């Protein structure tokens, strides 16, 4: 929730509308991307999950992956993408986070941030 709130603060001049359905789809995709680190990756499956969204929206965004150290480094990484700068009538945003624990207190954090413009 902190990440979503920061995006809204960065966009303080504009209303930020969140597309929750797209966020749910992106969360599933992030989980699959984490699985791809151990060799299980089906690009066609990911494309088929995105297809209904891409029929309705032009999507601009991408997944980010990092080891968790502190929230500020994650906020800086998301801010640096510039996705929050998207403007225009009806622009919506999608945000998904997937966290995967590893031994020795290592935590992988996946973030997908995207702007959506109706076609």
PDB file of N, CA and C in Angstrom:
ATOM      1  N   UNK A   1       0.813  -1.190   0.000  1.00  0.00           N
ATOM      2  CA  UNK A   1       0.000   0.000   0.000  1.00  0.00           C
ATOM      3  C   UNK A   1       0.861   1.261   0.000  1.00  0.00           C
ATOM      4  N   UNK A   2       2.011   1.186   0.654  1.00  0.00           N
ATOM      5  CA  UNK A   2       2.890   2.353   0.709  1.00  0.00           C
ATOM      6  C   UNK A   2       3.337   2.768  -0.687  1.00  0.00           C
ATOM      7  N   UNK A   3       3.613   1.806  -1.529  1.00  0.00           N
ATOM      8  CA  UNK A   3       4.053   2.108  -2.885  1.00  0.00           C
ATOM      9  C   UNK A   3       2.951   2.816  -3.665  1.00  0.00           C
ATOM     10  N   UNK A   4       1.744   2.321  -3.566  1.00  0.00           N
ATOM     11  CA  UNK A   4       0.606   2.949  -4.244  1.00  0.00           C
ATOM     12  C   UNK A   4       0.424   4.392  -3.745  1.00  0.00           C
ATOM     13  N   UNK A   5       0.529   4.599  -2.449  1.00  0.00           N
ATOM     14  CA  UNK A   5       0.389   5.948  -1.890  1.00  0.00           C
ATOM     15  C   UNK A   5       1.478   6.880  -2.396  1.00  0.00           C
ATOM     16  N   UNK A   6       2.691   6.371  -2.519  1.00  0.00           N
ATOM     17  CA  UNK A   6       3.777   7.203  -3.039  1.00  0.00           C
ATOM     18  C   UNK A   6       3.524   7.603  -4.488  1.00  0.00           C
ATOM     19  N   UNK A   7       3.026   6.686  -5.293  1.00  0.00           N
ATOM     20  CA  UNK A   7       2.716   7.031  -6.688  1.00  0.00           C
ATOM     21  C   UNK A   7       1.684   8.157  -6.723  1.00  0.00           C
ATOM     22  N   UNK A   8       0.678   8.088  -5.868  1.00  0.00           N
ATOM     23  CA  UNK A   8      -0.343   9.142  -5.839  1.00  0.00           C
ATOM     24  C   UNK A   8       0.257  10.478  -5.379  1.00  0.00           C
ATOM     25  N   UNK A   9       1.193  10.441  -4.445  1.00  0.00           N
ATOM     26  CA  UNK A   9       1.862  11.673  -4.003  1.00  0.00           C
ATOM     27  C   UNK A   9       2.699  12.249  -5.144  1.00  0.00           C
ATOM     28  N   UNK A  10       3.403  11.397  -5.880  1.00  0.00           N
ATOM     29  CA  UNK A  10       4.216  11.867  -7.002  1.00  0.00           C
ATOM     30  C   UNK A  10       3.345  12.508  -8.081  1.00  0.00           C
ATOM     31  N   UNK A  11       2.071  12.106  -8.139  1.00  0.00           N
ATOM     32  CA  UNK A  11       1.131  12.629  -9.138  1.00  0.00           C
ATOM     33  C   UNK A  11       0.158  13.627  -8.497  1.00  0.00           C
ATOM     34  N   UNK A  12       0.582  14.375  -7.507  1.00  0.00           N
ATOM     35  CA  UNK A  12      -0.332  15.178  -6.707  1.00  0.00           C
ATOM     36  C   UNK A  12      -1.172  16.170  -7.516  1.00  0.00           C
ATOM     37  N   UNK A  13      -0.728  16.555  -8.689  1.00  0.00           N
ATOM     38  CA  UNK A  13      -1.516  17.477  -9.524  1.00  0.00           C
ATOM     39  C   UNK A  13      -2.643  16.771 -10.258  1.00  0.00           C
ATOM     40  N   UNK A  14      -2.603  15.444 -10.298  1.00  0.00           N
ATOM     41  CA  UNK A  14      -3.569  14.684 -11.093  1.00  0.00           C
ATOM     42  C   UNK A  14      -4.277  13.645 -10.226  1.00  0.00           C
ATOM     43  N   UNK A  15      -5.471  13.309 -10.638  1.00  0.00           N
ATOM     44  CA  UNK A  15      -6.188  12.202  -9.994  1.00  0.00           C
ATOM     45  C   UNK A  15      -5.571  10.899 -10.499  1.00  0.00           C
ATOM     46  N   UNK A  16      -5.311   9.968  -9.598  1.00  0.00           N
ATOM     47  CA  UNK A  16      -4.716   8.689  -9.970  1.00  0.00           C
ATOM     48  C   UNK A  16      -5.769   7.602  -9.848  1.00  0.00           C
ATOM     49  N   UNK A  17      -6.128   7.020 -10.978  1.00  0.00           N
ATOM     50  CA  UNK A  17      -7.119   5.950 -11.015  1.00  0.00           C
ATOM     51  C   UNK A  17      -6.384   4.623 -11.153  1.00  0.00           C
ATOM     52  N   UNK A  18      -6.722   3.689 -10.264  1.00  0.00           N
ATOM     53  CA  UNK A  18      -6.068   2.380 -10.258  1.00  0.00           C
ATOM     54  C   UNK A  18      -6.973   1.352 -10.924  1.00  0.00           C
ATOM     55  N   UNK A  19      -6.401   0.597 -11.844  1.00  0.00           N
ATOM     56  CA  UNK A  19      -7.119  -0.483 -12.512  1.00  0.00           C
ATOM     57  C   UNK A  19      -6.785  -1.766 -11.746  1.00  0.00           C
ATOM     58  N   UNK A  20      -7.692  -2.159 -10.874  1.00  0.00           N
ATOM     59  CA  UNK A  20      -7.432  -3.306  -9.994  1.00  0.00           C
ATOM     60  C   UNK A  20      -7.411  -4.631 -10.756  1.00  0.00           C
ATOM     61  N   UNK A  21      -8.234  -4.734 -11.778  1.00  0.00           N
ATOM     62  CA  UNK A  21      -8.238  -5.980 -12.560  1.00  0.00           C
ATOM     63  C   UNK A  21      -6.867  -6.198 -13.206  1.00  0.00           C
ATOM     64  N   UNK A  22      -6.342  -5.167 -13.820  1.00  0.00           N
ATOM     65  CA  UNK A  22      -5.021  -5.287 -14.443  1.00  0.00           C
ATOM     66  C   UNK A  22      -3.970  -5.597 -13.386  1.00  0.00           C
ATOM     67  N   UNK A  23      -4.073  -4.985 -12.208  1.00  0.00           N
ATOM     68  CA  UNK A  23      -3.137  -5.271 -11.129  1.00  0.00           C
ATOM     69  C   UNK A  23      -3.143  -6.734 -10.734  1.00  0.00           C
ATOM     70  N   UNK A  24      -4.330  -7.351 -10.709  1.00  0.00           N
ATOM     71  CA  UNK A  24      -4.426  -8.777 -10.372  1.00  0.00           C
ATOM     72  C   UNK A  24      -3.752  -9.639 -11.437  1.00  0.00           C
ATOM     73  N   UNK A  25      -3.961  -9.281 -12.696  1.00  0.00           N
ATOM     74  CA  UNK A  25      -3.329 -10.025 -13.790  1.00  0.00           C
ATOM     75  C   UNK A  25      -1.807  -9.881 -13.711  1.00  0.00           C
ATOM     76  N   UNK A  26      -1.351  -8.675 -13.466  1.00  0.00           N
ATOM     77  CA  UNK A  26       0.095  -8.444 -13.378  1.00  0.00           C
ATOM     78  C   UNK A  26       0.702  -9.182 -12.195  1.00  0.00           C
ATOM     79  N   UNK A  27      -0.035  -9.312 -11.099  1.00  0.00           N
ATOM     80  CA  UNK A  27       0.464 -10.052  -9.932  1.00  0.00           C
ATOM     81  C   UNK A  27       0.695 -11.519 -10.297  1.00  0.00           C
ATOM     82  N   UNK A  28      -0.233 -12.108 -11.057  1.00  0.00           N
ATOM     83  CA  UNK A  28      -0.050 -13.492 -11.513  1.00  0.00           C
ATOM     84  C   UNK A  28       1.182 -13.615 -12.402  1.00  0.00           C
ATOM     85  N   UNK A  29       1.357 -12.628 -13.258  1.00  0.00           N
ATOM     86  CA  UNK A  29       2.502 -12.649 -14.178  1.00  0.00           C
ATOM     87  C   UNK A  29       3.809 -12.553 -13.389  1.00  0.00           C
ATOM     88  N   UNK A  30       3.849 -11.706 -12.369  1.00  0.00           N
ATOM     89  CA  UNK A  30       5.065 -11.584 -11.561  1.00  0.00           C
ATOM     90  C   UNK A  30       5.418 -12.905 -10.892  1.00  0.00           C
ATOM     91  N   UNK A  31       4.416 -13.603 -10.408  1.00  0.00           N
ATOM     92  CA  UNK A  31       4.659 -14.910  -9.795  1.00  0.00           C
ATOM     93  C   UNK A  31       5.280 -15.863 -10.809  1.00  0.00           C
ATOM     94  N   UNK A  32       4.774 -15.821 -12.024  1.00  0.00           N
ATOM     95  CA  UNK A  32       5.326 -16.682 -13.081  1.00  0.00           C
ATOM     96  C   UNK A  32       6.742 -16.261 -13.461  1.00  0.00           C
ATOM     97  N   UNK A  33       7.016 -14.962 -13.399  1.00  0.00           N
ATOM     98  CA  UNK A  33       8.362 -14.495 -13.714  1.00  0.00           C
ATOM     99  C   UNK A  33       9.360 -14.967 -12.652  1.00  0.00           C
ATOM    100  N   UNK A  34       8.928 -14.998 -11.403  1.00  0.00           N
ATOM    101  CA  UNK A  34       9.804 -15.532 -10.346  1.00  0.00           C
ATOM    102  C   UNK A  34      10.074 -17.008 -10.601  1.00  0.00           C
ATOM    103  N   UNK A  35       9.050 -17.753 -11.014  1.00  0.00           N
ATOM    104  CA  UNK A  35       9.239 -19.169 -11.333  1.00  0.00           C
ATOM    105  C   UNK A  35      10.205 -19.341 -12.498  1.00  0.00           C
ATOM    106  N   UNK A  36      10.253 -18.361 -13.395  1.00  0.00           N
ATOM    107  CA  UNK A  36      11.138 -18.473 -14.556  1.00  0.00           C
ATOM    108  C   UNK A  36      12.604 -18.477 -14.143  1.00  0.00           C
ATOM    109  N   UNK A  37      12.898 -17.974 -12.962  1.00  0.00           N
ATOM    110  CA  UNK A  37      14.285 -18.001 -12.478  1.00  0.00           C
ATOM    111  C   UNK A  37      14.774 -19.425 -12.264  1.00  0.00           C
ATOM    112  N   UNK A  38      13.828 -20.359 -12.082  1.00  0.00           N
ATOM    113  CA  UNK A  38      14.228 -21.761 -11.939  1.00  0.00           C
ATOM    114  C   UNK A  38      13.927 -22.546 -13.215  1.00  0.00           C
ATOM    115  N   UNK A  39      13.665 -21.834 -14.296  1.00  0.00           N
ATOM    116  CA  UNK A  39      13.554 -22.470 -15.591  1.00  0.00           C
ATOM    117  C   UNK A  39      12.160 -22.711 -16.108  1.00  0.00           C
ATOM    118  N   UNK A  40      11.124 -22.270 -15.402  1.00  0.00           N
ATOM    119  CA  UNK A  40       9.750 -22.486 -15.870  1.00  0.00           C
ATOM    120  C   UNK A  40       9.214 -21.162 -16.386  1.00  0.00           C
ATOM    121  N   UNK A  41       9.165 -21.000 -17.702  1.00  0.00           N
ATOM    122  CA  UNK A  41       8.680 -19.737 -18.263  1.00  0.00           C
ATOM    123  C   UNK A  41       7.924 -20.038 -19.547  1.00  0.00           C
ATOM    124  N   UNK A  42       6.696 -19.612 -19.593  1.00  0.00           N
ATOM    125  CA  UNK A  42       5.869 -19.811 -20.775  1.00  0.00           C
ATOM    126  C   UNK A  42       5.390 -18.451 -21.261  1.00  0.00           C
ATOM    127  N   UNK A  43       6.122 -17.888 -22.212  1.00  0.00           N
ATOM    128  CA  UNK A  43       5.801 -16.554 -22.727  1.00  0.00           C
ATOM    129  C   UNK A  43       4.410 -16.505 -23.345  1.00  0.00           C
ATOM    130  N   UNK A  44       3.994 -17.586 -24.008  1.00  0.00           N
ATOM    131  CA  UNK A  44       2.661 -17.623 -24.613  1.00  0.00           C
ATOM    132  C   UNK A  44       1.570 -17.506 -23.554  1.00  0.00           C
ATOM    133  N   UNK A  45       1.784 -18.141 -22.408  1.00  0.00           N
ATOM    134  CA  UNK A  45       0.801 -18.067 -21.323  1.00  0.00           C
ATOM    135  C   UNK A  45       0.683 -16.636 -20.795  1.00  0.00           C
ATOM    136  N   UNK A  46       1.810 -15.966 -20.662  1.00  0.00           N
ATOM    137  CA  UNK A  46       1.799 -14.575 -20.194  1.00  0.00           C
ATOM    138  C   UNK A  46       1.101 -13.688 -21.219  1.00  0.00           C
ATOM    139  N   UNK A  47       1.396 -13.901 -22.492  1.00  0.00           N
ATOM    140  CA  UNK A  47       0.727 -13.124 -23.548  1.00  0.00           C
ATOM    141  C   UNK A  47      -0.778 -13.342 -23.525  1.00  0.00           C
ATOM    142  N   UNK A  48      -1.204 -14.579 -23.295  1.00  0.00           N
ATOM    143  CA  UNK A  48      -2.640 -14.857 -23.279  1.00  0.00           C
ATOM    144  C   UNK A  48      -3.317 -14.198 -22.083  1.00  0.00           C
ATOM    145  N   UNK A  49      -2.599 -14.061 -20.965  1.00  0.00           N
ATOM    146  CA  UNK A  49      -3.173 -13.371 -19.808  1.00  0.00           C
ATOM    147  C   UNK A  49      -3.276 -11.871 -20.048  1.00  0.00           C
ATOM    148  N   UNK A  50      -2.329 -11.308 -20.774  1.00  0.00           N
ATOM    149  CA  UNK A  50      -2.349  -9.873 -21.065  1.00  0.00           C
ATOM    150  C   UNK A  50      -3.286  -9.509 -22.222  1.00  0.00           C
ATOM    151  N   UNK A  51      -3.579 -10.461 -23.073  1.00  0.00           N
ATOM    152  CA  UNK A  51      -4.352 -10.196 -24.295  1.00  0.00           C
ATOM    153  C   UNK A  51      -5.662  -9.432 -24.054  1.00  0.00           C
ATOM    154  N   UNK A  52      -6.512  -9.849 -23.104  1.00  0.00           N
ATOM    155  CA  UNK A  52      -7.761  -9.100 -22.898  1.00  0.00           C
ATOM    156  C   UNK A  52      -7.530  -7.644 -22.485  1.00  0.00           C
ATOM    157  N   UNK A  53      -6.493  -7.400 -21.733  1.00  0.00           N
ATOM    158  CA  UNK A  53      -6.185  -6.030 -21.317  1.00  0.00           C
ATOM    159  C   UNK A  53      -5.670  -5.228 -22.500  1.00  0.00           C
ATOM    160  N   UNK A  54      -4.791  -5.840 -23.297  1.00  0.00           N
ATOM    161  CA  UNK A  54      -4.196  -5.128 -24.426  1.00  0.00           C
ATOM    162  C   UNK A  54      -5.196  -4.880 -25.554  1.00  0.00           C
ATOM    163  N   UNK A  55      -6.314  -5.596 -25.557  1.00  0.00           N
ATOM    164  CA  UNK A  55      -7.368  -5.308 -26.530  1.00  0.00           C
ATOM    165  C   UNK A  55      -8.085  -4.003 -26.201  1.00  0.00           C
ATOM    166  N   UNK A  56      -8.102  -3.640 -24.928  1.00  0.00           N
ATOM    167  CA  UNK A  56      -8.838  -2.459 -24.477  1.00  0.00           C
ATOM    168  C   UNK A  56      -7.911  -1.269 -24.230  1.00  0.00           C
ATOM    169  N   UNK A  57      -6.681  -1.542 -23.789  1.00  0.00           N
ATOM    170  CA  UNK A  57      -5.756  -0.482 -23.383  1.00  0.00           C
ATOM    171  C   UNK A  57      -4.431  -0.576 -24.130  1.00  0.00           C
ATOM    172  N   UNK A  58      -3.816   0.583 -24.312  1.00  0.00           N
ATOM    173  CA  UNK A  58      -2.400   0.640 -24.650  1.00  0.00           C
ATOM    174  C   UNK A  58      -1.691   0.677 -23.303  1.00  0.00           C
ATOM    175  N   UNK A  59      -0.787  -0.237 -23.090  1.00  0.00           N
ATOM    176  CA  UNK A  59      -0.117  -0.354 -21.794  1.00  0.00           C
ATOM    177  C   UNK A  59       1.343   0.033 -21.921  1.00  0.00           C
ATOM    178  N   UNK A  60       1.791   0.870 -20.995  1.00  0.00           N
ATOM    179  CA  UNK A  60       3.197   1.280 -20.953  1.00  0.00           C
ATOM    180  C   UNK A  60       3.710   1.007 -19.552  1.00  0.00           C
ATOM    181  N   UNK A  61       4.623   0.075 -19.437  1.00  0.00           N
ATOM    182  CA  UNK A  61       5.165  -0.264 -18.134  1.00  0.00           C
ATOM    183  C   UNK A  61       5.984  -1.525 -18.240  1.00  0.00           C
ATOM    184  N   UNK A  62       6.510  -1.962 -17.121  1.00  0.00           N
ATOM    185  CA  UNK A  62       7.364  -3.138 -17.150  1.00  0.00           C
ATOM    186  C   UNK A  62       7.588  -3.663 -15.751  1.00  0.00           C
ATOM    187  N   UNK A  63       8.068  -4.901 -15.659  1.00  0.00           N
ATOM    188  CA  UNK A  63       8.373  -5.471 -14.346  1.00  0.00           C
ATOM    189  C   UNK A  63       9.761  -5.055 -13.876  1.00  0.00           C
ATOM    190  N   UNK A  64       9.877  -4.938 -12.581  1.00  0.00           N
ATOM    191  CA  UNK A  64      11.159  -4.649 -11.936  1.00  0.00           C
ATOM    192  C   UNK A  64      11.424  -5.759 -10.926  1.00  0.00           C
ATOM    193  N   UNK A  65      12.667  -6.093 -10.745  1.00  0.00           N
ATOM    194  CA  UNK A  65      13.016  -7.118  -9.777  1.00  0.00           C
ATOM    195  C   UNK A  65      14.253  -6.682  -9.014  1.00  0.00           C
ATOM    196  N   UNK A  66      14.221  -6.888  -7.703  1.00  0.00           N
ATOM    197  CA  UNK A  66      15.361  -6.532  -6.873  1.00  0.00           C
ATOM    198  C   UNK A  66      15.327  -7.355  -5.593  1.00  0.00           C
ATOM    199  N   UNK A  67      16.456  -7.437  -4.945  1.00  0.00           N
ATOM    200  CA  UNK A  67      16.489  -8.028  -3.605  1.00  0.00           C
ATOM    201  C   UNK A  67      16.077  -6.936  -2.629  1.00  0.00           C
ATOM    202  N   UNK A  68      15.267  -7.287  -1.662  1.00  0.00           N
ATOM    203  CA  UNK A  68      14.802  -6.288  -0.704  1.00  0.00           C
ATOM    204  C   UNK A  68      15.929  -5.910   0.247  1.00  0.00           C
ATOM    205  N   UNK A  69      16.126  -4.612   0.388  1.00  0.00           N
ATOM    206  CA  UNK A  69      17.069  -4.118   1.394  1.00  0.00           C
ATOM    207  C   UNK A  69      16.364  -3.095   2.270  1.00  0.00           C
ATOM    208  N   UNK A  70      15.702  -2.141   1.626  1.00  0.00           N
ATOM    209  CA  UNK A  70      14.915  -1.144   2.343  1.00  0.00           C
ATOM    210  C   UNK A  70      13.886  -0.553   1.383  1.00  0.00           C
ATOM    211  N   UNK A  71      12.820  -0.026   1.933  1.00  0.00           N
ATOM    212  CA  UNK A  71      11.731   0.482   1.104  1.00  0.00           C
ATOM    213  C   UNK A  71      12.168   1.673   0.252  1.00  0.00           C
ATOM    214  N   UNK A  72      13.063   2.508   0.760  1.00  0.00           N
ATOM    215  CA  UNK A  72      13.474   3.688  -0.005  1.00  0.00           C
ATOM    216  C   UNK A  72      14.146   3.329  -1.322  1.00  0.00           C
ATOM    217  N   UNK A  73      14.927   2.262  -1.345  1.00  0.00           N
ATOM    218  CA  UNK A  73      15.574   1.869  -2.605  1.00  0.00           C
ATOM    219  C   UNK A  73      14.527   1.391  -3.611  1.00  0.00           C
ATOM    220  N   UNK A  74      13.479   0.750  -3.133  1.00  0.00           N
ATOM    221  CA  UNK A  74      12.404   0.303  -4.027  1.00  0.00           C
ATOM    222  C   UNK A  74      11.624   1.512  -4.547  1.00  0.00           C
ATOM    223  N   UNK A  75      11.334   2.462  -3.675  1.00  0.00           N
ATOM    224  CA  UNK A  75      10.628   3.677  -4.096  1.00  0.00           C
ATOM    225  C   UNK A  75      11.431   4.432  -5.148  1.00  0.00           C
ATOM    226  N   UNK A  76      12.737   4.543  -4.947  1.00  0.00           N
ATOM    227  CA  UNK A  76      13.596   5.229  -5.922  1.00  0.00           C
ATOM    228  C   UNK A  76      13.582   4.514  -7.265  1.00  0.00           C
ATOM    229  N   UNK A  77      13.614   3.185  -7.228  1.00  0.00           N
ATOM    230  CA  UNK A  77      13.613   2.403  -8.463  1.00  0.00           C
ATOM    231  C   UNK A  77      12.310   2.625  -9.239  1.00  0.00           C
ATOM    232  N   UNK A  78      11.174   2.605  -8.543  1.00  0.00           N
ATOM    233  CA  UNK A  78       9.886   2.814  -9.203  1.00  0.00           C
ATOM    234  C   UNK A  78       9.777   4.245  -9.709  1.00  0.00           C
ATOM    235  N   UNK A  79      10.189   5.213  -8.920  1.00  0.00           N
ATOM    236  CA  UNK A  79      10.146   6.615  -9.336  1.00  0.00           C
ATOM    237  C   UNK A  79      10.973   6.829 -10.603  1.00  0.00           C
ATOM    238  N   UNK A  80      12.136   6.182 -10.673  1.00  0.00           N
ATOM    239  CA  UNK A  80      13.039   6.344 -11.822  1.00  0.00           C
ATOM    240  C   UNK A  80      12.430   5.850 -13.129  1.00  0.00           C
ATOM    241  N   UNK A  81      11.422   4.988 -13.055  1.00  0.00           N
ATOM    242  CA  UNK A  81      10.798   4.513 -14.299  1.00  0.00           C
ATOM    243  C   UNK A  81      10.057   5.624 -15.014  1.00  0.00           C
ATOM    244  N   UNK A  82       9.540   6.600 -14.257  1.00  0.00           N
ATOM    245  CA  UNK A  82       8.779   7.689 -14.858  1.00  0.00           C
ATOM    246  C   UNK A  82       7.366   7.310 -15.265  1.00  0.00           C
ATOM    247  N   UNK A  83       6.929   6.101 -14.978  1.00  0.00           N
ATOM    248  CA  UNK A  83       5.578   5.669 -15.358  1.00  0.00           C
ATOM    249  C   UNK A  83       4.534   6.586 -14.732  1.00  0.00           C
ATOM    250  N   UNK A  84       4.814   7.085 -13.545  1.00  0.00           N
ATOM    251  CA  UNK A  84       3.865   7.951 -12.848  1.00  0.00           C
ATOM    252  C   UNK A  84       3.644   9.288 -13.549  1.00  0.00           C
ATOM    253  N   UNK A  85       4.478   9.621 -14.520  1.00  0.00           N
ATOM    254  CA  UNK A  85       4.363  10.888 -15.239  1.00  0.00           C
ATOM    255  C   UNK A  85       3.321  10.849 -16.354  1.00  0.00           C
ATOM    256  N   UNK A  86       2.749   9.692 -16.616  1.00  0.00           N
ATOM    257  CA  UNK A  86       1.754   9.567 -17.695  1.00  0.00           C
ATOM    258  C   UNK A  86       0.577  10.502 -17.429  1.00  0.00           C
ATOM    259  N   UNK A  87       0.168  11.188 -18.475  1.00  0.00           N
ATOM    260  CA  UNK A  87      -0.954  12.116 -18.388  1.00  0.00           C
ATOM    261  C   UNK A  87      -1.932  11.797 -19.499  1.00  0.00           C
ATOM    262  N   UNK A  88      -3.058  12.440 -19.455  1.00  0.00           N
ATOM    263  CA  UNK A  88      -4.042  12.300 -20.519  1.00  0.00           C
ATOM    264  C   UNK A  88      -5.394  11.935 -19.959  1.00  0.00           C
ATOM    265  N   UNK A  89      -6.387  12.208 -20.754  1.00  0.00           N
ATOM    266  CA  UNK A  89      -7.756  11.912 -20.338  1.00  0.00           C
ATOM    267  C   UNK A  89      -7.923  10.408 -20.160  1.00  0.00           C
ATOM    268  N   UNK A  90      -8.394  10.016 -19.015  1.00  0.00           N
ATOM    269  CA  UNK A  90      -8.701   8.613 -18.780  1.00  0.00           C
ATOM    270  C   UNK A  90      -7.521   7.715 -18.495  1.00  0.00           C
ATOM    271  N   UNK A  91      -6.342   8.277 -18.262  1.00  0.00           N
ATOM    272  CA  UNK A  91      -5.194   7.414 -17.958  1.00  0.00           C
ATOM    273  C   UNK A  91      -5.460   6.687 -16.636  1.00  0.00           C
ATOM    274  N   UNK A  92      -5.119   5.408 -16.625  1.00  0.00           N
ATOM    275  CA  UNK A  92      -5.242   4.581 -15.431  1.00  0.00           C
ATOM    276  C   UNK A  92      -3.890   3.957 -15.146  1.00  0.00           C
ATOM    277  N   UNK A  93      -3.751   3.448 -13.933  1.00  0.00           N
ATOM    278  CA  UNK A  93      -2.491   2.838 -13.538  1.00  0.00           C
ATOM    279  C   UNK A  93      -2.742   1.462 -12.949  1.00  0.00           C
ATOM    280  N   UNK A  94      -1.758   0.608 -13.097  1.00  0.00           N
ATOM    281  CA  UNK A  94      -1.811  -0.725 -12.502  1.00  0.00           C
ATOM    282  C   UNK A  94      -0.506  -0.941 -11.761  1.00  0.00           C
ATOM    283  N   UNK A  95      -0.628  -1.562 -10.605  1.00  0.00           N
ATOM    284  CA  UNK A  95       0.533  -1.834  -9.775  1.00  0.00           C
ATOM    285  C   UNK A  95       0.373  -3.214  -9.165  1.00  0.00           C
ATOM    286  N   UNK A  96       1.430  -3.995  -9.244  1.00  0.00           N
ATOM    287  CA  UNK A  96       1.416  -5.323  -8.633  1.00  0.00           C
ATOM    288  C   UNK A  96       2.760  -5.558  -7.968  1.00  0.00           C
ATOM    289  N   UNK A  97       2.718  -6.274  -6.853  1.00  0.00           N
ATOM    290  CA  UNK A  97       3.941  -6.611  -6.115  1.00  0.00           C
ATOM    291  C   UNK A  97       3.887  -8.098  -5.782  1.00  0.00           C
ATOM    292  N   UNK A  98       5.015  -8.760  -5.967  1.00  0.00           N
ATOM    293  CA  UNK A  98       5.153 -10.165  -5.585  1.00  0.00           C
ATOM    294  C   UNK A  98       6.452 -10.281  -4.789  1.00  0.00           C
ATOM    295  N   UNK A  99       6.361 -10.901  -3.633  1.00  0.00           N
ATOM    296  CA  UNK A  99       7.526 -11.077  -2.762  1.00  0.00           C
ATOM    297  C   UNK A  99       7.785 -12.571  -2.623  1.00  0.00           C
ATOM    298  N   UNK A 100       9.044 -12.952  -2.822  1.00  0.00           N
ATOM    299  CA  UNK A 100       9.408 -14.367  -2.735  1.00  0.00           C
ATOM    300  C   UNK A 100      10.590 -14.539  -1.780  1.00  0.00           C
ATOM    301  N   UNK A 101      10.409 -15.330  -0.714  1.00  0.00           N
ATOM    302  CA  UNK A 101      11.502 -15.520   0.252  1.00  0.00           C
ATOM    303  C   UNK A 101      12.501 -16.581  -0.224  1.00  0.00           C
ATOM    304  N   UNK A 102      13.739 -16.368   0.150  1.00  0.00           N
ATOM    305  CA  UNK A 102      14.815 -17.310  -0.105  1.00  0.00           C
ATOM    306  C   UNK A 102      15.539 -17.576   1.214  1.00  0.00           C
ATOM    307  N   UNK A 103      16.372 -18.604   1.255  1.00  0.00           N
ATOM    308  CA  UNK A 103      17.142 -18.874   2.490  1.00  0.00           C
ATOM    309  C   UNK A 103      18.064 -17.706   2.840  1.00  0.00           C
ATOM    310  N   UNK A 104      18.509 -17.701   4.072  1.00  0.00           N
ATOM    311  CA  UNK A 104      19.442 -16.689   4.577  1.00  0.00           C
ATOM    312  C   UNK A 104      18.841 -15.281   4.606  1.00  0.00           C
ATOM    313  N   UNK A 105      17.532 -15.203   4.811  1.00  0.00           N
ATOM    314  CA  UNK A 105      16.822 -13.921   4.906  1.00  0.00           C
ATOM    315  C   UNK A 105      16.911 -13.061   3.647  1.00  0.00           C
ATOM    316  N   UNK A 106      17.037 -13.698   2.512  1.00  0.00           N
ATOM    317  CA  UNK A 106      17.021 -12.985   1.239  1.00  0.00           C
ATOM    318  C   UNK A 106      15.585 -12.977   0.731  1.00  0.00           C
ATOM    319  N   UNK A 107      15.151 -11.814   0.274  1.00  0.00           N
ATOM    320  CA  UNK A 107      13.785 -11.671  -0.226  1.00  0.00           C
ATOM    321  C   UNK A 107      13.842 -11.010  -1.600  1.00  0.00           C
ATOM    322  N   UNK A 108      13.246 -11.674  -2.579  1.00  0.00           N
ATOM    323  CA  UNK A 108      13.134 -11.109  -3.922  1.00  0.00           C
ATOM    324  C   UNK A 108      11.833 -10.320  -3.996  1.00  0.00           C
ATOM    325  N   UNK A 109      11.913  -9.114  -4.519  1.00  0.00           N
ATOM    326  CA  UNK A 109      10.733  -8.264  -4.678  1.00  0.00           C
ATOM    327  C   UNK A 109      10.548  -7.988  -6.160  1.00  0.00           C
ATOM    328  N   UNK A 110       9.365  -8.313  -6.644  1.00  0.00           N
ATOM    329  CA  UNK A 110       8.980  -8.040  -8.025  1.00  0.00           C
ATOM    330  C   UNK A 110       7.900  -6.969  -8.012  1.00  0.00           C
ATOM    331  N   UNK A 111       8.047  -5.980  -8.870  1.00  0.00           N
ATOM    332  CA  UNK A 111       7.072  -4.899  -8.967  1.00  0.00           C
ATOM    333  C   UNK A 111       6.754  -4.699 -10.440  1.00  0.00           C
ATOM    334  N   UNK A 112       5.473  -4.622 -10.750  1.00  0.00           N
ATOM    335  CA  UNK A 112       5.051  -4.298 -12.110  1.00  0.00           C
ATOM    336  C   UNK A 112       4.239  -3.017 -12.011  1.00  0.00           C
ATOM    337  N   UNK A 113       4.711  -1.974 -12.665  1.00  0.00           N
ATOM    338  CA  UNK A 113       3.985  -0.708 -12.705  1.00  0.00           C
ATOM    339  C   UNK A 113       3.708  -0.376 -14.165  1.00  0.00           C
ATOM    340  N   UNK A 114       2.479   0.058 -14.425  1.00  0.00           N
ATOM    341  CA  UNK A 114       2.090   0.337 -15.808  1.00  0.00           C
ATOM    342  C   UNK A 114       1.052   1.452 -15.848  1.00  0.00           C
ATOM    343  N   UNK A 115       1.087   2.206 -16.937  1.00  0.00           N
ATOM    344  CA  UNK A 115       0.008   3.151 -17.220  1.00  0.00           C
ATOM    345  C   UNK A 115      -0.833   2.557 -18.343  1.00  0.00           C
ATOM    346  N   UNK A 116      -2.110   2.842 -18.306  1.00  0.00           N
ATOM    347  CA  UNK A 116      -3.060   2.279 -19.269  1.00  0.00           C
ATOM    348  C   UNK A 116      -3.853   3.414 -19.906  1.00  0.00           C
ATOM    349  N   UNK A 117      -3.884   3.422 -21.242  1.00  0.00           N
ATOM    350  CA  UNK A 117      -4.640   4.411 -21.991  1.00  0.00           C
ATOM    351  C   UNK A 117      -5.655   3.657 -22.853  1.00  0.00           C
ATOM    352  N   UNK A 118      -6.918   4.035 -22.748  1.00  0.00           N
ATOM    353  CA  UNK A 118      -7.962   3.361 -23.561  1.00  0.00           C
ATOM    354  C   UNK A 118      -7.644   3.533 -25.033  1.00  0.00           C
ATOM    355  N   UNK A 119      -7.888   2.476 -25.788  1.00  0.00           N
ATOM    356  CA  UNK A 119      -7.694   2.520 -27.242  1.00  0.00           C
ATOM    357  C   UNK A 119      -8.829   3.265 -27.898  1.00  0.00           C
TER     358      UNK A 119
END
